[in-house]
C-alpha atoms as a PDB file:
ATOM      1  CA  UNK A   1     -19.507  26.497  -6.788  1.00  0.00           C
ATOM      2  CA  UNK A   2     -19.890  25.608  -3.102  1.00  0.00           C
ATOM      3  CA  UNK A   3     -21.925  22.651  -3.774  1.00  0.00           C
ATOM      4  CA  UNK A   4     -19.326  21.136  -5.914  1.00  0.00           C
ATOM      5  CA  UNK A   5     -16.373  21.428  -3.033  1.00  0.00           C
ATOM      6  CA  UNK A   6     -18.312  20.396  -0.715  1.00  0.00           C
ATOM      7  CA  UNK A   7     -18.757  17.212  -2.727  1.00  0.00           C
ATOM      8  CA  UNK A   8     -15.393  17.639  -3.640  1.00  0.00           C
ATOM      9  CA  UNK A   9     -14.410  17.472  -0.047  1.00  0.00           C
ATOM     10  CA  UNK A  10     -17.291  14.953   1.279  1.00  0.00           C
ATOM     11  CA  UNK A  11     -15.989  12.248  -1.223  1.00  0.00           C
ATOM     12  CA  UNK A  12     -14.417   9.081   0.134  1.00  0.00           C
ATOM     13  CA  UNK A  13     -11.258   8.807  -1.201  1.00  0.00           C
ATOM     14  CA  UNK A  14      -9.996  12.582  -0.668  1.00  0.00           C
ATOM     15  CA  UNK A  15     -10.965  12.192   3.654  1.00  0.00           C
ATOM     16  CA  UNK A  16      -8.688   8.967   3.207  1.00  0.00           C
ATOM     17  CA  UNK A  17      -5.556  11.166   1.690  1.00  0.00           C
ATOM     18  CA  UNK A  18      -6.430  13.219   4.091  1.00  0.00           C
ATOM     19  CA  UNK A  19      -5.884  11.064   6.669  1.00  0.00           C
ATOM     20  CA  UNK A  20      -2.845   9.539   5.281  1.00  0.00           C
ATOM     21  CA  UNK A  21      -0.898  12.946   4.513  1.00  0.00           C
ATOM     22  CA  UNK A  22      -1.576  13.282   8.792  1.00  0.00           C
ATOM     23  CA  UNK A  23      -0.602   9.837   9.480  1.00  0.00           C
ATOM     24  CA  UNK A  24       2.297  10.179   7.049  1.00  0.00           C
ATOM     25  CA  UNK A  25       3.840  13.237   8.471  1.00  0.00           C
ATOM     26  CA  UNK A  26       3.184  12.163  12.421  1.00  0.00           C
ATOM     27  CA  UNK A  27       5.402   8.486  10.746  1.00  0.00           C
ATOM     28  CA  UNK A  28       7.892  11.075   9.249  1.00  0.00           C
ATOM     29  CA  UNK A  29       8.479  12.318  12.114  1.00  0.00           C
ATOM     30  CA  UNK A  30       9.087   9.149  13.943  1.00  0.00           C
ATOM     31  CA  UNK A  31      11.829   7.979  10.640  1.00  0.00           C
ATOM     32  CA  UNK A  32      13.813  11.439  11.016  1.00  0.00           C
ATOM     33  CA  UNK A  33      14.620  11.299  15.143  1.00  0.00           C
ATOM     34  CA  UNK A  34      15.188   7.647  13.798  1.00  0.00           C
ATOM     35  CA  UNK A  35      17.650   8.617  11.562  1.00  0.00           C
ATOM     36  CA  UNK A  36      19.241  11.584  12.800  1.00  0.00           C
ATOM     37  CA  UNK A  37      19.214  10.269  16.375  1.00  0.00           C
ATOM     38  CA  UNK A  38      20.518   6.929  16.253  1.00  0.00           C
ATOM     39  CA  UNK A  39      21.554   5.849  12.680  1.00  0.00           C
ATOM     40  CA  UNK A  40      23.558   8.902  11.652  1.00  0.00           C
ATOM     41  CA  UNK A  41      25.073   8.855  14.665  1.00  0.00           C
ATOM     42  CA  UNK A  42      26.236   5.330  14.438  1.00  0.00           C
ATOM     43  CA  UNK A  43      27.461   5.410  10.671  1.00  0.00           C
ATOM     44  CA  UNK A  44      29.289   8.875  11.343  1.00  0.00           C
ATOM     45  CA  UNK A  45      30.950   6.854  13.901  1.00  0.00           C
ATOM     46  CA  UNK A  46      32.554   4.806  11.084  1.00  0.00           C
ATOM     47  CA  UNK A  47      33.597   7.143   9.331  1.00  0.00           C
ATOM     48  CA  UNK A  48      35.329  10.234  11.492  1.00  0.00           C
ATOM     49  CA  UNK A  49      32.275  12.234  11.450  1.00  0.00           C
ATOM     50  CA  UNK A  50      29.899  13.846  13.471  1.00  0.00           C
ATOM     51  CA  UNK A  51      27.178  12.680  11.506  1.00  0.00           C
ATOM     52  CA  UNK A  52      26.420  10.693   8.414  1.00  0.00           C
ATOM     53  CA  UNK A  53      25.317  13.647   7.051  1.00  0.00           C
ATOM     54  CA  UNK A  54      29.351  15.187   7.742  1.00  0.00           C
ATOM     55  CA  UNK A  55      30.726  11.708   6.038  1.00  0.00           C
ATOM     56  CA  UNK A  56      32.200  12.040   2.859  1.00  0.00           C
ATOM     57  CA  UNK A  57      32.030  14.988   2.749  1.00  0.00           C
ATOM     58  CA  UNK A  58      34.635  16.047  -1.250  1.00  0.00           C
ATOM     59  CA  UNK A  59      35.810  20.130  -1.967  1.00  0.00           C
ATOM     60  CA  UNK A  60      36.218  20.282  -5.314  1.00  0.00           C
ATOM     61  CA  UNK A  61      37.137  24.079  -6.592  1.00  0.00           C
ATOM     62  CA  UNK A  62      35.494  26.133  -7.634  1.00  0.00           C
ATOM     63  CA  UNK A  63      36.356  29.152 -10.709  1.00  0.00           C
ATOM     64  CA  UNK A  64      36.373  32.031  -7.875  1.00  0.00           C
ATOM     65  CA  UNK A  65      39.991  29.992  -6.007  1.00  0.00           C
ATOM     66  CA  UNK A  66      37.042  28.689  -3.185  1.00  0.00           C
ATOM     67  CA  UNK A  67      36.262  25.040  -2.698  1.00  0.00           C
ATOM     68  CA  UNK A  68      32.748  23.647  -3.256  1.00  0.00           C
ATOM     69  CA  UNK A  69      31.571  20.886  -0.647  1.00  0.00           C
ATOM     70  CA  UNK A  70      29.712  17.706  -2.427  1.00  0.00           C
ATOM     71  CA  UNK A  71      27.536  16.284   0.491  1.00  0.00           C
ATOM     72  CA  UNK A  72      27.358  12.300  -0.570  1.00  0.00           C
ATOM     73  CA  UNK A  73      26.955  11.411   3.577  1.00  0.00           C
ATOM     74  CA  UNK A  74      23.332  13.642   2.911  1.00  0.00           C
ATOM     75  CA  UNK A  75      22.026  11.761  -0.313  1.00  0.00           C
ATOM     76  CA  UNK A  76      23.108   8.759   1.560  1.00  0.00           C
ATOM     77  CA  UNK A  77      21.077   9.406   4.519  1.00  0.00           C
ATOM     78  CA  UNK A  78      17.702  10.866   2.889  1.00  0.00           C
ATOM     79  CA  UNK A  79      17.997   7.039   0.151  1.00  0.00           C
ATOM     80  CA  UNK A  80      17.965   5.473   3.675  1.00  0.00           C
ATOM     81  CA  UNK A  81      15.342   7.021   5.502  1.00  0.00           C
ATOM     82  CA  UNK A  82      13.728   7.262   2.145  1.00  0.00           C
ATOM     83  CA  UNK A  83      13.866   3.156   2.656  1.00  0.00           C
ATOM     84  CA  UNK A  84      12.616   2.841   5.995  1.00  0.00           C
ATOM     85  CA  UNK A  85       9.450   5.040   5.621  1.00  0.00           C
ATOM     86  CA  UNK A  86       8.787   3.017   2.177  1.00  0.00           C
ATOM     87  CA  UNK A  87       9.685  -0.676   4.114  1.00  0.00           C
ATOM     88  CA  UNK A  88       7.677   0.456   7.432  1.00  0.00           C
ATOM     89  CA  UNK A  89       4.639   1.157   5.043  1.00  0.00           C
ATOM     90  CA  UNK A  90       5.086  -1.732   2.881  1.00  0.00           C
ATOM     91  CA  UNK A  91       4.731  -3.884   6.457  1.00  0.00           C
ATOM     92  CA  UNK A  92       2.379  -1.908   8.263  1.00  0.00           C
ATOM     93  CA  UNK A  93      -0.084  -0.595   5.689  1.00  0.00           C
ATOM     94  CA  UNK A  94       0.200  -2.625   2.153  1.00  0.00           C
ATOM     95  CA  UNK A  95       0.902  -6.323   3.108  1.00  0.00           C
ATOM     96  CA  UNK A  96      -1.900  -6.780   5.593  1.00  0.00           C
ATOM     97  CA  UNK A  97      -3.876  -5.143   3.151  1.00  0.00           C
ATOM     98  CA  UNK A  98      -2.931  -7.072   0.528  1.00  0.00           C
ATOM     99  CA  UNK A  99      -3.746 -10.504   2.690  1.00  0.00           C
ATOM    100  CA  UNK A 100      -7.048  -9.387   3.341  1.00  0.00           C
ATOM    101  CA  UNK A 101      -7.490  -9.367   0.162  1.00  0.00           C
ATOM    102  CA  UNK A 102      -6.477 -12.373  -0.409  1.00  0.00           C
ATOM    103  CA  UNK A 103      -8.265 -13.668   2.583  1.00  0.00           C
ATOM    104  CA  UNK A 104     -11.623 -11.759   0.600  1.00  0.00           C
ATOM    105  CA  UNK A 105     -11.119 -13.022  -2.670  1.00  0.00           C
ATOM    106  CA  UNK A 106     -10.732 -16.907  -0.964  1.00  0.00           C
ATOM    107  CA  UNK A 107     -13.601 -16.672   0.411  1.00  0.00           C
ATOM    108  CA  UNK A 108     -15.733 -15.533  -2.300  1.00  0.00           C
ATOM    109  CA  UNK A 109     -14.152 -18.230  -4.448  1.00  0.00           C
ATOM    110  CA  UNK A 110     -15.864 -20.979  -2.115  1.00  0.00           C
ATOM    111  CA  UNK A 111     -12.271 -22.092  -0.577  1.00  0.00           C
ATOM    112  CA  UNK A 112     -12.810 -23.379   2.903  1.00  0.00           C
ATOM    113  CA  UNK A 113     -14.217 -21.728   5.055  1.00  0.00           C
ATOM    114  CA  UNK A 114     -16.623 -19.720   3.059  1.00  0.00           C
ATOM    115  CA  UNK A 115     -19.556 -19.008   4.548  1.00  0.00           C
ATOM    116  CA  UNK A 116     -22.980 -19.999   1.944  1.00  0.00           C
ATOM    117  CA  UNK A 117     -24.269 -16.548   1.193  1.00  0.00           C
ATOM    118  CA  UNK A 118     -20.625 -15.632  -0.057  1.00  0.00           C
ATOM    119  CA  UNK A 119     -20.080 -19.127  -2.496  1.00  0.00           C
ATOM    120  CA  UNK A 120     -23.059 -18.195  -4.723  1.00  0.00           C
ATOM    121  CA  UNK A 121     -23.266 -19.984  -8.158  1.00  0.00           C
ATOM    122  CA  UNK A 122     -22.305 -18.322 -11.379  1.00  0.00           C
ATOM    123  CA  UNK A 123     -24.610 -17.027 -13.920  1.00  0.00           C
ATOM    124  CA  UNK A 124     -23.419 -20.146 -16.105  1.00  0.00           C
ATOM    125  CA  UNK A 125     -23.915 -22.909 -13.322  1.00  0.00           C
ATOM    126  CA  UNK A 126     -27.787 -20.993 -12.615  1.00  0.00           C
ATOM    127  CA  UNK A 127     -28.215 -21.132 -16.446  1.00  0.00           C
ATOM    128  CA  UNK A 128     -27.259 -25.364 -16.642  1.00  0.00           C
ATOM    129  CA  UNK A 129     -29.723 -25.961 -13.610  1.00  0.00           C
ATOM    130  CA  UNK A 130     -32.938 -23.705 -14.874  1.00  0.00           C
ATOM    131  CA  UNK A 131     -32.003 -25.710 -18.035  1.00  0.00           C
ATOM    132  CA  UNK A 132     -31.999 -29.411 -16.252  1.00  0.00           C
ATOM    133  CA  UNK A 133     -35.141 -28.317 -14.717  1.00  0.00           C
ATOM    134  CA  UNK A 134     -37.384 -27.369 -18.348  1.00  0.00           C
ATOM    135  CA  UNK A 135     -35.827 -30.496 -19.809  1.00  0.00           C
ATOM    136  CA  UNK A 136     -36.745 -32.944 -16.399  1.00  0.00           C
ATOM    137  CA  UNK A 137     -40.115 -30.931 -16.658  1.00  0.00           C
ATOM    138  CA  UNK A 138     -40.623 -31.771 -20.419  1.00  0.00           C
ATOM    139  CA  UNK A 139     -40.205 -34.978 -19.242  1.00  0.00           C
ATOM    140  CA  UNK A 140     -42.513 -35.688 -16.790  1.00  0.00           C
ATOM    141  CA  UNK A 141     -45.173 -34.018 -19.253  1.00  0.00           C
ATOM    142  CA  UNK A 142     -44.649 -36.992 -21.708  1.00  0.00           C
ATOM    143  CA  UNK A 143     -45.089 -39.363 -19.528  1.00  0.00           C
ATOM    144  CA  UNK A 144     -48.609 -37.571 -18.164  1.00  0.00           C
ATOM    145  CA  UNK A 145     -49.516 -37.210 -22.050  1.00  0.00           C
ATOM    146  CA  UNK A 146     -50.295 -33.403 -21.205  1.00  0.00           C
END
């Protein structure tokens, strides 16, 4: 039972996931500060509210005669926060990784800049070479009388 747990924990993708969670948590704090301290007050100033969370509040009557408040500004703030996180994650992690993969694939395909070791012949090319060598050997054997 403990061996299985040890194998699970020491697996590379679990450790990568743990690092991603820690970085994501730290990054969320940065985005929260940006949205709460900069974006919310700016948008709130446009709509005469303390922050975006206080803007677009709609009061509706309840069955008991009171009022319930719907905070559409808070929803908009959450959407903006999500988009900011997604934007930064894309440009900091996804875009560079995609470029790295494209570059690695281009090197493997033998495009300019590929090293000799990385542009190895395909299986079909190797088989064609072997066929040609055997044919050349048979041609030589016929001419020498062997």
